[in-house]
Amino acid sequence: MFLENDELDFDGRHGKLHISLEGQEVLIATRPPAETVTTARNIGNAVSKREDDADVDLKLGLLDGKLVLYWRETYLHRIYRQGLFSINDQDLAPLCEGRGGSEVSR
């Protein structure tokens, strides 16, 4: 299930965390009373297969009751890559990757 929120507070293994999506970056920060520690990750860079960053859209979602990050390349009228990252406290781990869409030729 996709979430429409770009920001969300959630319970991690070691306390409350705040996640926010800013362009192609995911920011995960600890919440008080813990000392604030923020982790940033550029997903376009993480999934790129070329020298330059992939252009991706990001959404938060739930999979089997766990918070995940969905990414999708922004191509139109051609095959695009898409995938999921699991969110484990301040770490992101790739879950799966696939292709979608269709190619249009004249």
Protein backbone atom coordinates (compact mmCIF):
# COMPACT_ATOMS: atom_id res chain seq x y z
CA MET A 1 0.00 0.00 0.00
CA PHE A 2 1.39 3.40 -0.97
CA LEU A 3 1.33 6.30 1.49
CA GLU A 4 0.72 9.82 0.26
CA ASN A 5 2.89 11.29 3.04
CA ASP A 6 6.36 12.61 2.19
CA GLU A 7 7.15 12.74 5.93
CA LEU A 8 6.40 10.23 8.62
CA ASP A 9 7.29 9.44 12.22
CA PHE A 10 7.75 5.74 13.00
CA ASP A 11 9.08 3.43 15.69
CA GLY A 12 12.52 1.98 15.05
CA ARG A 13 14.25 -0.72 17.06
CA HIS A 14 15.99 1.90 19.22
CA GLY A 15 13.37 4.65 19.43
CA LYS A 16 11.32 7.10 17.39
CA LEU A 17 12.50 8.10 13.93
CA HIS A 18 11.39 10.67 11.36
CA ILE A 19 11.64 9.99 7.62
CA SER A 20 11.21 12.57 4.88
CA LEU A 21 11.52 12.49 1.10
CA GLU A 22 13.16 15.49 -0.56
CA GLY A 23 13.51 15.10 -4.31
CA GLN A 24 15.64 11.99 -4.76
CA GLU A 25 16.93 12.00 -1.18
CA VAL A 26 15.66 10.12 1.82
CA LEU A 27 16.40 11.72 5.20
CA ILE A 28 16.01 9.63 8.37
CA ALA A 29 16.49 11.38 11.72
CA THR A 30 16.28 10.23 15.32
CA ARG A 31 13.64 11.94 17.46
CA PRO A 32 14.04 13.27 20.99
CA PRO A 33 14.85 12.26 23.68
CA ALA A 34 17.75 10.68 21.72
CA GLU A 35 20.47 12.91 20.34
CA THR A 36 19.51 13.96 16.79
CA VAL A 37 21.34 11.96 14.15
CA THR A 38 20.31 12.36 10.50
CA THR A 39 21.15 9.95 7.70
CA ALA A 40 20.71 11.08 4.08
CA ARG A 41 20.75 8.84 1.03
CA ASN A 42 20.42 9.81 -2.64
CA ILE A 43 18.33 7.01 -4.18
CA GLY A 44 18.99 8.18 -7.75
CA ASN A 45 22.68 7.60 -7.10
CA ALA A 46 22.09 4.32 -5.27
CA VAL A 47 20.16 2.70 -8.15
CA SER A 48 22.06 4.28 -11.05
CA LYS A 49 23.76 1.96 -13.51
CA ARG A 50 25.56 4.84 -15.23
CA GLU A 51 27.96 7.57 -14.14
CA ASP A 52 25.17 10.10 -13.58
CA ASP A 53 22.30 9.69 -11.11
CA ALA A 54 19.10 8.02 -12.27
CA ASP A 55 16.07 10.33 -12.23
CA VAL A 56 13.59 8.69 -9.84
CA ASP A 57 10.32 9.39 -8.05
CA LEU A 58 10.04 8.20 -4.46
CA LYS A 59 7.07 7.06 -2.35
CA LEU A 60 6.71 5.53 1.06
CA GLY A 61 4.66 2.39 1.40
CA LEU A 62 3.72 -0.53 3.60
CA LEU A 63 4.55 -4.13 2.71
CA ASP A 64 3.35 -6.80 5.13
CA GLY A 65 2.97 -4.07 7.77
CA LYS A 66 6.58 -2.84 7.38
CA LEU A 67 7.65 0.56 6.08
CA VAL A 68 9.30 0.47 2.63
CA LEU A 69 10.57 2.96 0.07
CA TYR A 70 9.35 2.58 -3.52
CA TRP A 71 11.43 4.13 -6.32
CA ARG A 72 10.62 4.42 -10.02
CA GLU A 73 12.56 5.87 -12.93
CA THR A 74 10.66 8.77 -14.50
CA TYR A 75 10.87 7.71 -18.15
CA LEU A 76 7.74 8.05 -20.27
CA HIS A 77 6.93 5.87 -23.28
CA ARG A 78 9.68 3.35 -22.59
CA ILE A 79 10.56 0.59 -20.19
CA TYR A 80 11.52 1.91 -16.74
CA ARG A 81 13.14 0.32 -13.69
CA GLN A 82 11.46 0.29 -10.29
CA GLY A 83 12.11 -1.27 -6.92
CA LEU A 84 11.75 -1.35 -3.16
CA PHE A 85 14.08 -0.65 -0.25
CA SER A 86 13.30 -1.93 3.23
CA ILE A 87 13.68 0.67 5.98
CA ASN A 88 15.47 -0.73 9.01
CA ASP A 89 15.95 2.11 11.49
CA GLN A 90 18.40 4.43 9.66
CA ASP A 91 19.50 1.80 7.13
CA LEU A 92 18.00 1.13 3.71
CA ALA A 93 18.41 -2.30 2.13
CA PRO A 94 17.36 -3.24 -1.43
CA LEU A 95 14.41 -5.67 -1.45
CA CYS A 96 13.68 -6.08 -5.15
CA GLU A 97 14.00 -4.47 -8.56
CA GLY A 98 12.02 -4.93 -11.76
CA ARG A 99 10.84 -3.30 -14.92
CA GLY A 100 7.54 -1.77 -15.92
CA GLY A 101 5.88 0.29 -18.60
CA SER A 102 5.90 -0.17 -22.36
CA GLU A 103 7.87 1.14 -25.28
CA VAL A 104 6.19 3.20 -27.96
CA SER A 105 7.63 3.25 -31.45
CA ARG A 106 6.43 4.95 -34.59
